[in-house]
Protein backbone atom coordinates (compact mmCIF):
# COMPACT_ATOMS: atom_id res chain seq x y z
CA UNK A 1 98.93 101.50 96.76
CA UNK A 2 98.39 97.96 95.77
CA UNK A 3 98.20 97.47 91.99
CA UNK A 4 97.01 94.39 89.87
CA UNK A 5 100.65 93.83 88.96
CA UNK A 6 101.57 93.46 92.70
CA UNK A 7 98.81 91.13 93.28
CA UNK A 8 99.78 88.93 90.28
CA UNK A 9 103.38 88.92 91.19
CA UNK A 10 102.40 87.77 94.72
CA UNK A 11 100.10 85.03 93.33
CA UNK A 12 102.88 83.88 91.03
CA UNK A 13 105.36 83.69 93.90
CA UNK A 14 102.92 81.76 96.03
CA UNK A 15 102.22 79.36 93.22
CA UNK A 16 105.87 78.57 92.57
CA UNK A 17 106.55 78.42 96.36
CA UNK A 18 103.79 75.76 96.67
CA UNK A 19 105.14 73.96 93.63
CA UNK A 20 108.51 73.80 95.30
CA UNK A 21 106.96 72.19 98.41
CA UNK A 22 107.85 75.15 100.75
CA UNK A 23 105.76 76.82 103.32
CA UNK A 24 105.97 80.70 103.73
CA UNK A 25 108.01 80.16 106.76
CA UNK A 26 110.74 77.99 104.87
CA UNK A 27 110.81 80.39 101.98
CA UNK A 28 111.28 83.27 104.39
CA UNK A 29 114.05 81.48 106.23
CA UNK A 30 115.95 80.45 103.13
CA UNK A 31 115.68 83.74 101.49
CA UNK A 32 116.71 85.56 104.71
CA UNK A 33 113.37 87.59 104.83
CA UNK A 34 110.70 87.63 107.49
CA UNK A 35 107.63 85.67 107.43
CA UNK A 36 105.35 88.70 107.60
CA UNK A 37 107.12 90.15 104.51
CA UNK A 38 106.44 86.90 102.46
CA UNK A 39 102.78 87.20 103.57
CA UNK A 40 102.53 90.76 102.46
CA UNK A 41 104.46 89.93 99.19
CA UNK A 42 102.14 86.97 98.23
CA UNK A 43 98.91 89.13 98.80
CA UNK A 44 100.35 92.03 96.77
CA UNK A 45 100.53 94.35 99.78
CA UNK A 46 104.26 94.91 99.40
CA UNK A 47 106.33 95.38 96.22
CA UNK A 48 109.97 93.70 96.42
CA UNK A 49 113.26 95.29 95.39
CA UNK A 50 115.05 93.40 92.62
CA UNK A 51 117.51 92.18 95.15
CA UNK A 52 114.65 90.56 97.08
CA UNK A 53 113.29 89.02 93.95
CA UNK A 54 116.75 87.62 93.25
CA UNK A 55 116.76 85.95 96.75
CA UNK A 56 113.39 84.47 96.15
CA UNK A 57 114.20 83.20 92.67
CA UNK A 58 117.31 81.65 93.94
CA UNK A 59 115.53 79.76 96.75
CA UNK A 60 112.88 78.77 94.26
CA UNK A 61 115.34 77.70 91.62
CA UNK A 62 113.81 79.88 88.93
CA UNK A 63 114.86 82.88 87.01
CA UNK A 64 113.58 86.35 88.22
CA UNK A 65 111.60 86.85 84.96
CA UNK A 66 109.78 83.72 85.81
CA UNK A 67 108.33 85.31 88.89
CA UNK A 68 107.31 88.40 87.14
CA UNK A 69 104.06 87.95 85.25
CA UNK A 70 104.07 91.15 83.26
């Protein structure tokens, strides 16, 4: 079930990705994730594990807590 928190997290990741000048494809490649998963994540359809958030934060050069909007 998609929650508002999942949607906000996805929007936050998308915003930071764009600020970093990365496409979904590049973020997926650098984080070792699938493009499809990044798409689901950014639309709030999937909830990432902490390990996955760590990978994304590392690529975006931010702290995990900066990704989580709640």
